[in-house]
PDB file of N, CA and C in Angstrom:
ATOM      1  N   MET A   1      35.226 -80.712 -16.062  1.00  0.00           N
ATOM      2  CA  MET A   1      35.005 -79.395 -16.652  1.00  0.00           C
ATOM      3  C   MET A   1      33.774 -78.772 -15.992  1.00  0.00           C
ATOM      4  N   ASP A   2      33.856 -77.511 -15.630  1.00  0.00           N
ATOM      5  CA  ASP A   2      32.717 -76.891 -14.961  1.00  0.00           C
ATOM      6  C   ASP A   2      31.588 -76.591 -15.941  1.00  0.00           C
ATOM      7  N   GLU A   3      30.459 -76.196 -15.376  1.00  0.00           N
ATOM      8  CA  GLU A   3      29.233 -76.017 -16.166  1.00  0.00           C
ATOM      9  C   GLU A   3      29.385 -74.958 -17.257  1.00  0.00           C
ATOM     10  N   ILE A   4      29.974 -73.810 -16.924  1.00  0.00           N
ATOM     11  CA  ILE A   4      30.091 -72.722 -17.907  1.00  0.00           C
ATOM     12  C   ILE A   4      31.003 -73.139 -19.062  1.00  0.00           C
ATOM     13  N   ALA A   5      32.107 -73.792 -18.756  1.00  0.00           N
ATOM     14  CA  ALA A   5      33.022 -74.222 -19.810  1.00  0.00           C
ATOM     15  C   ALA A   5      32.347 -75.225 -20.738  1.00  0.00           C
ATOM     16  N   GLN A   6      31.574 -76.133 -20.151  1.00  0.00           N
ATOM     17  CA  GLN A   6      30.864 -77.128 -20.970  1.00  0.00           C
ATOM     18  C   GLN A   6      29.816 -76.461 -21.849  1.00  0.00           C
ATOM     19  N   ARG A   7      29.050 -75.541 -21.269  1.00  0.00           N
ATOM     20  CA  ARG A   7      28.039 -74.821 -22.063  1.00  0.00           C
ATOM     21  C   ARG A   7      28.682 -74.001 -23.172  1.00  0.00           C
ATOM     22  N   LEU A   8      29.805 -73.372 -22.868  1.00  0.00           N
ATOM     23  CA  LEU A   8      30.508 -72.564 -23.861  1.00  0.00           C
ATOM     24  C   LEU A   8      30.981 -73.424 -25.027  1.00  0.00           C
ATOM     25  N   LYS A   9      31.537 -74.567 -24.701  1.00  0.00           N
ATOM     26  CA  LYS A   9      32.025 -75.470 -25.738  1.00  0.00           C
ATOM     27  C   LYS A   9      30.874 -75.993 -26.599  1.00  0.00           C
ATOM     28  N   THR A  10      29.790 -76.427 -25.961  1.00  0.00           N
ATOM     29  CA  THR A  10      28.644 -76.981 -26.689  1.00  0.00           C
ATOM     30  C   THR A  10      27.982 -75.931 -27.572  1.00  0.00           C
ATOM     31  N   THR A  11      27.725 -74.756 -27.026  1.00  0.00           N
ATOM     32  CA  THR A  11      27.028 -73.722 -27.807  1.00  0.00           C
ATOM     33  C   THR A  11      27.897 -73.167 -28.925  1.00  0.00           C
ATOM     34  N   SER A  12      29.209 -73.076 -28.708  1.00  0.00           N
ATOM     35  CA  SER A  12      30.065 -72.578 -29.789  1.00  0.00           C
ATOM     36  C   SER A  12      30.138 -73.596 -30.933  1.00  0.00           C
ATOM     37  N   GLU A  13      30.193 -74.876 -30.610  1.00  0.00           N
ATOM     38  CA  GLU A  13      30.181 -75.908 -31.660  1.00  0.00           C
ATOM     39  C   GLU A  13      28.867 -75.882 -32.420  1.00  0.00           C
ATOM     40  N   SER A  14      27.756 -75.726 -31.695  1.00  0.00           N
ATOM     41  CA  SER A  14      26.435 -75.644 -32.318  1.00  0.00           C
ATOM     42  C   SER A  14      26.343 -74.416 -33.223  1.00  0.00           C
ATOM     43  N   CYS A  15      26.910 -73.311 -32.775  1.00  0.00           N
ATOM     44  CA  CYS A  15      26.879 -72.075 -33.554  1.00  0.00           C
ATOM     45  C   CYS A  15      27.698 -72.225 -34.838  1.00  0.00           C
ATOM     46  N   ILE A  16      28.851 -72.847 -34.737  1.00  0.00           N
ATOM     47  CA  ILE A  16      29.695 -73.074 -35.924  1.00  0.00           C
ATOM     48  C   ILE A  16      28.977 -73.974 -36.912  1.00  0.00           C
ATOM     49  N   THR A  17      28.360 -75.048 -36.431  1.00  0.00           N
ATOM     50  CA  THR A  17      27.633 -75.973 -37.305  1.00  0.00           C
ATOM     51  C   THR A  17      26.475 -75.260 -37.997  1.00  0.00           C
ATOM     52  N   SER A  18      25.713 -74.466 -37.238  1.00  0.00           N
ATOM     53  CA  SER A  18      24.588 -73.720 -37.815  1.00  0.00           C
ATOM     54  C   SER A  18      25.069 -72.696 -38.831  1.00  0.00           C
ATOM     55  N   TYR A  19      26.196 -72.061 -38.550  1.00  0.00           N
ATOM     56  CA  TYR A  19      26.740 -71.071 -39.480  1.00  0.00           C
ATOM     57  C   TYR A  19      27.161 -71.726 -40.797  1.00  0.00           C
ATOM     58  N   GLU A  20      27.836 -72.858 -40.700  1.00  0.00           N
ATOM     59  CA  GLU A  20      28.267 -73.561 -41.922  1.00  0.00           C
ATOM     60  C   GLU A  20      27.072 -74.014 -42.739  1.00  0.00           C
ATOM     61  N   ALA A  21      26.008 -74.487 -42.075  1.00  0.00           N
ATOM     62  CA  ALA A  21      24.799 -74.904 -42.789  1.00  0.00           C
ATOM     63  C   ALA A  21      24.137 -73.702 -43.459  1.00  0.00           C
ATOM     64  N   TRP A  22      24.097 -72.588 -42.791  1.00  0.00           N
ATOM     65  CA  TRP A  22      23.494 -71.380 -43.368  1.00  0.00           C
ATOM     66  C   TRP A  22      24.316 -70.855 -44.537  1.00  0.00           C
ATOM     67  N   GLU A  23      25.648 -70.979 -44.460  1.00  0.00           N
ATOM     68  CA  GLU A  23      26.527 -70.539 -45.551  1.00  0.00           C
ATOM     69  C   GLU A  23      26.244 -71.293 -46.841  1.00  0.00           C
ATOM     70  N   GLU A  24      25.900 -72.585 -46.727  1.00  0.00           N
ATOM     71  CA  GLU A  24      25.602 -73.393 -47.918  1.00  0.00           C
ATOM     72  C   GLU A  24      24.331 -72.936 -48.606  1.00  0.00           C
ATOM     73  N   ASP A  25      23.326 -72.556 -47.812  1.00  0.00           N
ATOM     74  CA  ASP A  25      22.041 -72.148 -48.387  1.00  0.00           C
ATOM     75  C   ASP A  25      21.494 -70.961 -47.592  1.00  0.00           C
ATOM     76  N   ARG A  26      21.886 -69.764 -48.006  1.00  0.00           N
ATOM     77  CA  ARG A  26      21.485 -68.555 -47.285  1.00  0.00           C
ATOM     78  C   ARG A  26      19.996 -68.224 -47.437  1.00  0.00           C
ATOM     79  N   LYS A  27      19.348 -68.816 -48.404  1.00  0.00           N
ATOM     80  CA  LYS A  27      17.937 -68.504 -48.620  1.00  0.00           C
ATOM     81  C   LYS A  27      17.000 -69.342 -47.758  1.00  0.00           C
ATOM     82  N   SER A  28      17.516 -70.371 -47.113  1.00  0.00           N
ATOM     83  CA  SER A  28      16.691 -71.247 -46.289  1.00  0.00           C
ATOM     84  C   SER A  28      16.335 -70.571 -44.964  1.00  0.00           C
ATOM     85  N   ASN A  29      15.025 -70.460 -44.708  1.00  0.00           N
ATOM     86  CA  ASN A  29      14.559 -69.853 -43.463  1.00  0.00           C
ATOM     87  C   ASN A  29      14.861 -70.742 -42.257  1.00  0.00           C
ATOM     88  N   ASP A  30      14.792 -72.055 -42.426  1.00  0.00           N
ATOM     89  CA  ASP A  30      15.052 -72.968 -41.319  1.00  0.00           C
ATOM     90  C   ASP A  30      16.501 -72.844 -40.837  1.00  0.00           C
ATOM     91  N   ARG A  31      17.431 -72.790 -41.780  1.00  0.00           N
ATOM     92  CA  ARG A  31      18.849 -72.669 -41.422  1.00  0.00           C
ATOM     93  C   ARG A  31      19.148 -71.303 -40.789  1.00  0.00           C
ATOM     94  N   ARG A  32      18.488 -70.287 -41.307  1.00  0.00           N
ATOM     95  CA  ARG A  32      18.652 -68.940 -40.744  1.00  0.00           C
ATOM     96  C   ARG A  32      18.142 -68.901 -39.303  1.00  0.00           C
ATOM     97  N   GLU A  33      16.958 -69.470 -39.062  1.00  0.00           N
ATOM     98  CA  GLU A  33      16.385 -69.512 -37.711  1.00  0.00           C
ATOM     99  C   GLU A  33      17.273 -70.316 -36.772  1.00  0.00           C
ATOM    100  N   SER A  34      17.823 -71.408 -37.254  1.00  0.00           N
ATOM    101  CA  SER A  34      18.708 -72.235 -36.446  1.00  0.00           C
ATOM    102  C   SER A  34      19.969 -71.458 -36.054  1.00  0.00           C
ATOM    103  N   LEU A  35      20.519 -70.709 -36.990  1.00  0.00           N
ATOM    104  CA  LEU A  35      21.711 -69.898 -36.706  1.00  0.00           C
ATOM    105  C   LEU A  35      21.387 -68.794 -35.699  1.00  0.00           C
ATOM    106  N   ILE A  36      20.250 -68.133 -35.867  1.00  0.00           N
ATOM    107  CA  ILE A  36      19.854 -67.074 -34.939  1.00  0.00           C
ATOM    108  C   ILE A  36      19.700 -67.643 -33.528  1.00  0.00           C
ATOM    109  N   GLU A  37      19.086 -68.811 -33.414  1.00  0.00           N
ATOM    110  CA  GLU A  37      18.917 -69.450 -32.109  1.00  0.00           C
ATOM    111  C   GLU A  37      20.264 -69.844 -31.502  1.00  0.00           C
ATOM    112  N   ALA A  38      21.189 -70.342 -32.312  1.00  0.00           N
ATOM    113  CA  ALA A  38      22.513 -70.732 -31.825  1.00  0.00           C
ATOM    114  C   ALA A  38      23.298 -69.507 -31.338  1.00  0.00           C
ATOM    115  N   VAL A  39      23.197 -68.413 -32.072  1.00  0.00           N
ATOM    116  CA  VAL A  39      23.881 -67.175 -31.663  1.00  0.00           C
ATOM    117  C   VAL A  39      23.285 -66.655 -30.359  1.00  0.00           C
ATOM    118  N   HIS A  40      21.955 -66.753 -30.220  1.00  0.00           N
ATOM    119  CA  HIS A  40      21.296 -66.314 -28.995  1.00  0.00           C
ATOM    120  C   HIS A  40      21.772 -67.142 -27.793  1.00  0.00           C
ATOM    121  N   GLU A  41      21.870 -68.430 -27.951  1.00  0.00           N
ATOM    122  CA  GLU A  41      22.366 -69.297 -26.878  1.00  0.00           C
ATOM    123  C   GLU A  41      23.817 -68.950 -26.525  1.00  0.00           C
ATOM    124  N   LEU A  42      24.615 -68.655 -27.543  1.00  0.00           N
ATOM    125  CA  LEU A  42      26.010 -68.270 -27.300  1.00  0.00           C
ATOM    126  C   LEU A  42      26.084 -66.969 -26.508  1.00  0.00           C
ATOM    127  N   ARG A  43      25.194 -66.044 -26.810  1.00  0.00           N
ATOM    128  CA  ARG A  43      25.137 -64.782 -26.054  1.00  0.00           C
ATOM    129  C   ARG A  43      24.763 -65.019 -24.600  1.00  0.00           C
ATOM    130  N   LYS A  44      23.827 -65.940 -24.360  1.00  0.00           N
ATOM    131  CA  LYS A  44      23.428 -66.237 -22.987  1.00  0.00           C
ATOM    132  C   LYS A  44      24.596 -66.814 -22.193  1.00  0.00           C
ATOM    133  N   VAL A  45      25.369 -67.702 -22.821  1.00  0.00           N
ATOM    134  CA  VAL A  45      26.529 -68.276 -22.141  1.00  0.00           C
ATOM    135  C   VAL A  45      27.577 -67.191 -21.882  1.00  0.00           C
ATOM    136  N   ALA A  46      27.788 -66.313 -22.865  1.00  0.00           N
ATOM    137  CA  ALA A  46      28.761 -65.226 -22.685  1.00  0.00           C
ATOM    138  C   ALA A  46      28.317 -64.293 -21.551  1.00  0.00           C
ATOM    139  N   ALA A  47      27.024 -64.013 -21.448  1.00  0.00           N
ATOM    140  CA  ALA A  47      26.513 -63.159 -20.372  1.00  0.00           C
ATOM    141  C   ALA A  47      26.730 -63.822 -19.012  1.00  0.00           C
ATOM    142  N   ARG A  48      26.501 -65.122 -18.934  1.00  0.00           N
ATOM    143  CA  ARG A  48      26.731 -65.839 -17.681  1.00  0.00           C
ATOM    144  C   ARG A  48      28.204 -65.793 -17.291  1.00  0.00           C
ATOM    145  N   LEU A  49      29.078 -65.908 -18.286  1.00  0.00           N
ATOM    146  CA  LEU A  49      30.514 -65.833 -18.033  1.00  0.00           C
ATOM    147  C   LEU A  49      30.904 -64.450 -17.518  1.00  0.00           C
ATOM    148  N   GLU A  50      30.322 -63.402 -18.088  1.00  0.00           N
ATOM    149  CA  GLU A  50      30.589 -62.037 -17.621  1.00  0.00           C
ATOM    150  C   GLU A  50      30.141 -61.850 -16.177  1.00  0.00           C
ATOM    151  N   ILE A  51      28.998 -62.445 -15.824  1.00  0.00           N
ATOM    152  CA  ILE A  51      28.512 -62.354 -14.444  1.00  0.00           C
ATOM    153  C   ILE A  51      29.487 -63.046 -13.504  1.00  0.00           C
ATOM    154  N   GLU A  52      29.968 -64.211 -13.891  1.00  0.00           N
ATOM    155  CA  GLU A  52      30.935 -64.940 -13.061  1.00  0.00           C
ATOM    156  C   GLU A  52      32.216 -64.117 -12.859  1.00  0.00           C
ATOM    157  N   ILE A  53      32.670 -63.462 -13.905  1.00  0.00           N
ATOM    158  CA  ILE A  53      33.876 -62.629 -13.811  1.00  0.00           C
ATOM    159  C   ILE A  53      33.632 -61.466 -12.841  1.00  0.00           C
ATOM    160  N   ALA A  54      32.471 -60.819 -12.957  1.00  0.00           N
ATOM    161  CA  ALA A  54      32.153 -59.685 -12.086  1.00  0.00           C
ATOM    162  C   ALA A  54      32.061 -60.119 -10.622  1.00  0.00           C
ATOM    163  N   VAL A  55      31.444 -61.263 -10.369  1.00  0.00           N
ATOM    164  CA  VAL A  55      31.328 -61.762  -8.996  1.00  0.00           C
ATOM    165  C   VAL A  55      32.721 -62.076  -8.450  1.00  0.00           C
ATOM    166  N   SER A  56      33.551 -62.663  -9.278  1.00  0.00           N
ATOM    167  CA  SER A  56      34.911 -62.992  -8.863  1.00  0.00           C
ATOM    168  C   SER A  56      35.690 -61.725  -8.509  1.00  0.00           C
ATOM    169  N   GLU A  57      35.560 -60.685  -9.335  1.00  0.00           N
ATOM    170  CA  GLU A  57      36.246 -59.414  -9.061  1.00  0.00           C
ATOM    171  C   GLU A  57      35.733 -58.785  -7.778  1.00  0.00           C
ATOM    172  N   ARG A  58      34.413 -58.852  -7.568  1.00  0.00           N
ATOM    173  CA  ARG A  58      33.838 -58.255  -6.367  1.00  0.00           C
ATOM    174  C   ARG A  58      34.340 -58.974  -5.119  1.00  0.00           C
ATOM    175  N   ASN A  59      34.394 -60.292  -5.179  1.00  0.00           N
ATOM    176  CA  ASN A  59      34.898 -61.057  -4.035  1.00  0.00           C
ATOM    177  C   ASN A  59      36.376 -60.769  -3.791  1.00  0.00           C
ATOM    178  N   GLU A  60      37.115 -60.596  -4.864  1.00  0.00           N
ATOM    179  CA  GLU A  60      38.545 -60.298  -4.749  1.00  0.00           C
ATOM    180  C   GLU A  60      38.754 -58.911  -4.159  1.00  0.00           C
ATOM    181  N   MET A  61      37.935 -57.947  -4.589  1.00  0.00           N
ATOM    182  CA  MET A  61      38.066 -56.574  -4.099  1.00  0.00           C
ATOM    183  C   MET A  61      37.631 -56.464  -2.641  1.00  0.00           C
ATOM    184  N   ALA A  62      36.724 -57.329  -2.190  1.00  0.00           N
ATOM    185  CA  ALA A  62      36.252 -57.271  -0.808  1.00  0.00           C
ATOM    186  C   ALA A  62      37.375 -57.597   0.167  1.00  0.00           C
ATOM    187  N   SER A  63      38.334 -58.373  -0.267  1.00  0.00           N
ATOM    188  CA  SER A  63      39.432 -58.735   0.624  1.00  0.00           C
ATOM    189  C   SER A  63      40.500 -57.647   0.701  1.00  0.00           C
ATOM    190  N   LYS A  64      40.513 -56.731  -0.258  1.00  0.00           N
ATOM    191  CA  LYS A  64      41.490 -55.638  -0.257  1.00  0.00           C
ATOM    192  C   LYS A  64      40.823 -54.361   0.238  1.00  0.00           C
ATOM    193  N   PRO A  65      41.472 -53.610   1.112  1.00  0.00           N
ATOM    194  CA  PRO A  65      40.890 -52.330   1.517  1.00  0.00           C
ATOM    195  C   PRO A  65      40.980 -51.329   0.361  1.00  0.00           C
ATOM    196  N   ILE A  66      39.952 -50.530   0.238  1.00  0.00           N
ATOM    197  CA  ILE A  66      39.928 -49.523  -0.818  1.00  0.00           C
ATOM    198  C   ILE A  66      40.784 -48.346  -0.371  1.00  0.00           C
ATOM    199  N   PRO A  67      41.764 -47.929  -1.176  1.00  0.00           N
ATOM    200  CA  PRO A  67      42.616 -46.808  -0.765  1.00  0.00           C
ATOM    201  C   PRO A  67      41.835 -45.495  -0.760  1.00  0.00           C
ATOM    202  N   ILE A  68      42.201 -44.614   0.142  1.00  0.00           N
ATOM    203  CA  ILE A  68      41.572 -43.300   0.213  1.00  0.00           C
ATOM    204  C   ILE A  68      42.169 -42.445  -0.897  1.00  0.00           C
ATOM    205  N   PRO A  69      41.323 -41.815  -1.729  1.00  0.00           N
ATOM    206  CA  PRO A  69      41.844 -40.968  -2.795  1.00  0.00           C
ATOM    207  C   PRO A  69      42.698 -39.835  -2.220  1.00  0.00           C
ATOM    208  N   PRO A  70      43.717 -39.376  -2.951  1.00  0.00           N
ATOM    209  CA  PRO A  70      44.623 -38.339  -2.435  1.00  0.00           C
ATOM    210  C   PRO A  70      43.910 -37.064  -1.999  1.00  0.00           C
ATOM    211  N   HIS A  71      42.889 -36.640  -2.736  1.00  0.00           N
ATOM    212  CA  HIS A  71      42.218 -35.401  -2.362  1.00  0.00           C
ATOM    213  C   HIS A  71      41.451 -35.552  -1.053  1.00  0.00           C
ATOM    214  N   ARG A  72      40.961 -36.740  -0.740  1.00  0.00           N
ATOM    215  CA  ARG A  72      40.258 -36.982   0.514  1.00  0.00           C
ATOM    216  C   ARG A  72      41.227 -37.062   1.692  1.00  0.00           C
ATOM    217  N   SER A  73      42.347 -37.749   1.495  1.00  0.00           N
ATOM    218  CA  SER A  73      43.292 -37.898   2.601  1.00  0.00           C
ATOM    219  C   SER A  73      43.917 -36.552   2.958  1.00  0.00           C
ATOM    220  N   ALA A  74      44.122 -35.670   1.985  1.00  0.00           N
ATOM    221  CA  ALA A  74      44.676 -34.341   2.264  1.00  0.00           C
ATOM    222  C   ALA A  74      43.675 -33.521   3.070  1.00  0.00           C
ATOM    223  N   ARG A  75      42.409 -33.622   2.746  1.00  0.00           N
ATOM    224  CA  ARG A  75      41.376 -32.874   3.463  1.00  0.00           C
ATOM    225  C   ARG A  75      41.293 -33.350   4.914  1.00  0.00           C
ATOM    226  N   LYS A  76      41.434 -34.654   5.130  1.00  0.00           N
ATOM    227  CA  LYS A  76      41.375 -35.187   6.490  1.00  0.00           C
ATOM    228  C   LYS A  76      42.569 -34.703   7.309  1.00  0.00           C
ATOM    229  N   ARG A  77      43.755 -34.675   6.708  1.00  0.00           N
ATOM    230  CA  ARG A  77      44.936 -34.188   7.420  1.00  0.00           C
ATOM    231  C   ARG A  77      44.775 -32.727   7.783  1.00  0.00           C
ATOM    232  N   ASP A  78      44.256 -31.899   6.862  1.00  0.00           N
ATOM    233  CA  ASP A  78      44.062 -30.476   7.142  1.00  0.00           C
ATOM    234  C   ASP A  78      43.073 -30.282   8.281  1.00  0.00           C
ATOM    235  N   TYR A  79      42.017 -31.081   8.313  1.00  0.00           N
ATOM    236  CA  TYR A  79      41.003 -30.971   9.362  1.00  0.00           C
ATOM    237  C   TYR A  79      41.618 -31.286  10.712  1.00  0.00           C
ATOM    238  N   ASN A  80      42.394 -32.355  10.784  1.00  0.00           N
ATOM    239  CA  ASN A  80      43.021 -32.726  12.048  1.00  0.00           C
ATOM    240  C   ASN A  80      44.069 -31.707  12.479  1.00  0.00           C
ATOM    241  N   ALA A  81      44.746 -31.066  11.543  1.00  0.00           N
ATOM    242  CA  ALA A  81      45.774 -30.083  11.879  1.00  0.00           C
ATOM    243  C   ALA A  81      45.147 -28.826  12.473  1.00  0.00           C
ATOM    244  N   GLU A  82      43.882 -28.519  12.129  1.00  0.00           N
ATOM    245  CA  GLU A  82      43.226 -27.322  12.634  1.00  0.00           C
ATOM    246  C   GLU A  82      42.673 -27.510  14.038  1.00  0.00           C
ATOM    247  N   ARG A  83      42.729 -28.705  14.580  1.00  0.00           N
ATOM    248  CA  ARG A  83      42.221 -28.974  15.922  1.00  0.00           C
ATOM    249  C   ARG A  83      43.341 -28.816  16.940  1.00  0.00           C
ATOM    250  N   ASP A  84      43.011 -28.251  18.109  1.00  0.00           N
ATOM    251  CA  ASP A  84      44.028 -28.144  19.151  1.00  0.00           C
ATOM    252  C   ASP A  84      44.022 -29.418  19.993  1.00  0.00           C
ATOM    253  N   VAL A  85      44.745 -29.425  21.091  1.00  0.00           N
ATOM    254  CA  VAL A  85      44.899 -30.613  21.931  1.00  0.00           C
ATOM    255  C   VAL A  85      43.557 -31.083  22.480  1.00  0.00           C
ATOM    256  N   ASN A  86      42.674 -30.147  22.811  1.00  0.00           N
ATOM    257  CA  ASN A  86      41.376 -30.492  23.388  1.00  0.00           C
ATOM    258  C   ASN A  86      40.334 -30.857  22.341  1.00  0.00           C
ATOM    259  N   GLY A  87      40.690 -30.824  21.061  1.00  0.00           N
ATOM    260  CA  GLY A  87      39.749 -31.160  19.996  1.00  0.00           C
ATOM    261  C   GLY A  87      38.926 -29.987  19.522  1.00  0.00           C
ATOM    262  N   ASN A  88      39.240 -28.779  20.009  1.00  0.00           N
ATOM    263  CA  ASN A  88      38.516 -27.590  19.585  1.00  0.00           C
ATOM    264  C   ASN A  88      39.059 -27.093  18.259  1.00  0.00           C
ATOM    265  N   SER A  89      38.192 -26.492  17.503  1.00  0.00           N
ATOM    266  CA  SER A  89      38.613 -25.955  16.222  1.00  0.00           C
ATOM    267  C   SER A  89      39.529 -24.770  16.439  1.00  0.00           C
ATOM    268  N   ALA A  90      40.636 -24.737  15.743  1.00  0.00           N
ATOM    269  CA  ALA A  90      41.591 -23.641  15.880  1.00  0.00           C
ATOM    270  C   ALA A  90      41.261 -22.498  14.927  1.00  0.00           C
ATOM    271  N   GLY A  91      40.193 -22.612  14.159  1.00  0.00           N
ATOM    272  CA  GLY A  91      39.869 -21.604  13.152  1.00  0.00           C
ATOM    273  C   GLY A  91      39.020 -20.459  13.648  1.00  0.00           C
ATOM    274  N   HIS A  92      38.540 -20.496  14.895  1.00  0.00           N
ATOM    275  CA  HIS A  92      37.661 -19.441  15.387  1.00  0.00           C
ATOM    276  C   HIS A  92      38.436 -18.409  16.190  1.00  0.00           C
ATOM    277  N   ASP A  93      38.120 -17.146  15.972  1.00  0.00           N
ATOM    278  CA  ASP A  93      38.628 -16.085  16.841  1.00  0.00           C
ATOM    279  C   ASP A  93      37.683 -16.029  18.030  1.00  0.00           C
ATOM    280  N   GLU A  94      38.236 -16.128  19.210  1.00  0.00           N
ATOM    281  CA  GLU A  94      37.406 -16.214  20.404  1.00  0.00           C
ATOM    282  C   GLU A  94      36.597 -14.939  20.607  1.00  0.00           C
ATOM    283  N   GLY A  95      35.313 -15.107  20.875  1.00  0.00           N
ATOM    284  CA  GLY A  95      34.457 -14.005  21.269  1.00  0.00           C
ATOM    285  C   GLY A  95      33.926 -13.161  20.125  1.00  0.00           C
ATOM    286  N   ARG A  96      34.434 -13.265  18.927  1.00  0.00           N
ATOM    287  CA  ARG A  96      33.972 -12.391  17.854  1.00  0.00           C
ATOM    288  C   ARG A  96      33.094 -13.106  16.842  1.00  0.00           C
ATOM    289  N   GLY A  97      33.105 -14.425  16.820  1.00  0.00           N
ATOM    290  CA  GLY A  97      32.276 -15.156  15.874  1.00  0.00           C
ATOM    291  C   GLY A  97      32.791 -15.096  14.457  1.00  0.00           C
ATOM    292  N   ASN A  98      34.028 -14.671  14.288  1.00  0.00           N
ATOM    293  CA  ASN A  98      34.611 -14.587  12.954  1.00  0.00           C
ATOM    294  C   ASN A  98      35.516 -15.780  12.705  1.00  0.00           C
ATOM    295  N   MET A  99      35.675 -16.126  11.472  1.00  0.00           N
ATOM    296  CA  MET A  99      36.580 -17.206  11.095  1.00  0.00           C
ATOM    297  C   MET A  99      37.822 -16.606  10.451  1.00  0.00           C
ATOM    298  N   ARG A 100      38.964 -17.204  10.728  1.00  0.00           N
ATOM    299  CA  ARG A 100      40.180 -16.783  10.045  1.00  0.00           C
ATOM    300  C   ARG A 100      40.162 -17.350   8.644  1.00  0.00           C
ATOM    301  N   ALA A 101      40.744 -16.631   7.721  1.00  0.00           N
ATOM    302  CA  ALA A 101      40.886 -17.139   6.358  1.00  0.00           C
ATOM    303  C   ALA A 101      41.831 -18.325   6.396  1.00  0.00           C
ATOM    304  N   PRO A 102      41.704 -19.280   5.491  1.00  0.00           N
ATOM    305  CA  PRO A 102      42.529 -20.484   5.531  1.00  0.00           C
ATOM    306  C   PRO A 102      44.024 -20.234   5.541  1.00  0.00           C
ATOM    307  N   GLU A 103      44.508 -19.225   4.867  1.00  0.00           N
ATOM    308  CA  GLU A 103      45.945 -18.966   4.800  1.00  0.00           C
ATOM    309  C   GLU A 103      46.398 -18.001   5.889  1.00  0.00           C
ATOM    310  N   GLY A 104      45.603 -17.794   6.932  1.00  0.00           N
ATOM    311  CA  GLY A 104      45.992 -16.905   8.019  1.00  0.00           C
ATOM    312  C   GLY A 104      45.719 -15.443   7.702  1.00  0.00           C
ATOM    313  N   GLY A 105      44.869 -15.170   6.757  1.00  0.00           N
ATOM    314  CA  GLY A 105      44.545 -13.806   6.366  1.00  0.00           C
ATOM    315  C   GLY A 105      43.627 -13.147   7.374  1.00  0.00           C
ATOM    316  N   PRO A 106      43.030 -12.027   7.013  1.00  0.00           N
ATOM    317  CA  PRO A 106      42.163 -11.293   7.937  1.00  0.00           C
ATOM    318  C   PRO A 106      40.885 -12.088   8.226  1.00  0.00           C
ATOM    319  N   PRO A 107      40.226 -11.798   9.362  1.00  0.00           N
ATOM    320  CA  PRO A 107      38.987 -12.508   9.708  1.00  0.00           C
ATOM    321  C   PRO A 107      37.910 -12.276   8.656  1.00  0.00           C
ATOM    322  N   VAL A 108      37.103 -13.285   8.469  1.00  0.00           N
ATOM    323  CA  VAL A 108      35.993 -13.207   7.541  1.00  0.00           C
ATOM    324  C   VAL A 108      34.723 -13.108   8.369  1.00  0.00           C
ATOM    325  N   SER A 109      33.940 -12.087   8.137  1.00  0.00           N
ATOM    326  CA  SER A 109      32.736 -11.881   8.922  1.00  0.00           C
ATOM    327  C   SER A 109      31.691 -12.925   8.575  1.00  0.00           C
ATOM    328  N   ARG A 110      31.007 -13.431   9.600  1.00  0.00           N
ATOM    329  CA  ARG A 110      29.937 -14.398   9.391  1.00  0.00           C
ATOM    330  C   ARG A 110      28.572 -13.727   9.509  1.00  0.00           C
ATOM    331  N   ALA A 111      28.552 -12.395   9.642  1.00  0.00           N
ATOM    332  CA  ALA A 111      27.292 -11.667   9.779  1.00  0.00           C
ATOM    333  C   ALA A 111      26.576 -11.643   8.434  1.00  0.00           C
ATOM    334  N   PRO A 112      25.235 -11.589   8.465  1.00  0.00           N
ATOM    335  CA  PRO A 112      24.505 -11.531   7.192  1.00  0.00           C
ATOM    336  C   PRO A 112      24.773 -10.226   6.470  1.00  0.00           C
ATOM    337  N   ARG A 113      24.719 -10.276   5.173  1.00  0.00           N
ATOM    338  CA  ARG A 113      24.953  -9.069   4.378  1.00  0.00           C
ATOM    339  C   ARG A 113      23.717  -8.186   4.394  1.00  0.00           C
ATOM    340  N   ARG A 114      23.971  -6.881   4.377  1.00  0.00           N
ATOM    341  CA  ARG A 114      22.872  -5.927   4.322  1.00  0.00           C
ATOM    342  C   ARG A 114      22.518  -5.670   2.873  1.00  0.00           C
ATOM    343  N   ARG A 115      21.242  -5.444   2.644  1.00  0.00           N
ATOM    344  CA  ARG A 115      20.801  -5.103   1.303  1.00  0.00           C
ATOM    345  C   ARG A 115      21.039  -3.624   1.058  1.00  0.00           C
ATOM    346  N   ARG A 116      21.593  -3.335  -0.072  1.00  0.00           N
ATOM    347  CA  ARG A 116      21.824  -1.946  -0.430  1.00  0.00           C
ATOM    348  C   ARG A 116      20.634  -1.454  -1.229  1.00  0.00           C
ATOM    349  N   THR A 117      20.085  -0.334  -0.825  1.00  0.00           N
ATOM    350  CA  THR A 117      18.953   0.214  -1.569  1.00  0.00           C
ATOM    351  C   THR A 117      19.463   1.282  -2.514  1.00  0.00           C
ATOM    352  N   VAL A 118      18.942   1.261  -3.693  1.00  0.00           N
ATOM    353  CA  VAL A 118      19.354   2.225  -4.696  1.00  0.00           C
ATOM    354  C   VAL A 118      18.218   3.233  -4.847  1.00  0.00           C
ATOM    355  N   THR A 119      18.578   4.490  -4.698  1.00  0.00           N
ATOM    356  CA  THR A 119      17.565   5.527  -4.873  1.00  0.00           C
ATOM    357  C   THR A 119      17.724   6.115  -6.271  1.00  0.00           C
ATOM    358  N   ARG A 120      16.625   6.266  -6.918  1.00  0.00           N
ATOM    359  CA  ARG A 120      16.636   6.811  -8.255  1.00  0.00           C
ATOM    360  C   ARG A 120      16.339   8.312  -8.197  1.00  0.00           C
ATOM    361  N   PRO A 121      16.986   9.053  -9.052  1.00  0.00           N
ATOM    362  CA  PRO A 121      16.695  10.508  -9.055  1.00  0.00           C
ATOM    363  C   PRO A 121      15.259  10.772  -9.483  1.00  0.00           C
ATOM    364  N   ALA A 122      14.682  11.816  -8.918  1.00  0.00           N
ATOM    365  CA  ALA A 122      13.290  12.192  -9.263  1.00  0.00           C
ATOM    366  C   ALA A 122      13.246  12.666 -10.701  1.00  0.00           C
ATOM    367  N   GLU A 123      12.197  12.305 -11.345  1.00  0.00           N
ATOM    368  CA  GLU A 123      12.058  12.713 -12.754  1.00  0.00           C
ATOM    369  C   GLU A 123      11.397  14.015 -12.913  1.00  0.00           C
TER     370      GLU A 123
END
């Protein structure tokens, strides 16, 4: 039997024994302290078991490739589709510095916006 299984068995038996003793005399501080200590030991064993499970899952997941989420794989396909044979972006209109809209709409200007000044009427 491995170490965790042995500790689990021993601490659970100790916890049951302490609980039964405390049930007989709930006013005894010694029995209460013994039960609290047994429960604490049981928690430590349970925490160690959880760590072992997590390590096992991590090792298992390391052997499997993580799938690419659908929204990421679609974005990658769209990016590759916009490239021509030479690897140049197909989204630029040559010489104008404008980008085509994604659905083939009119060019979108990349120039900075001008500030509009508002003149107030004289009072």
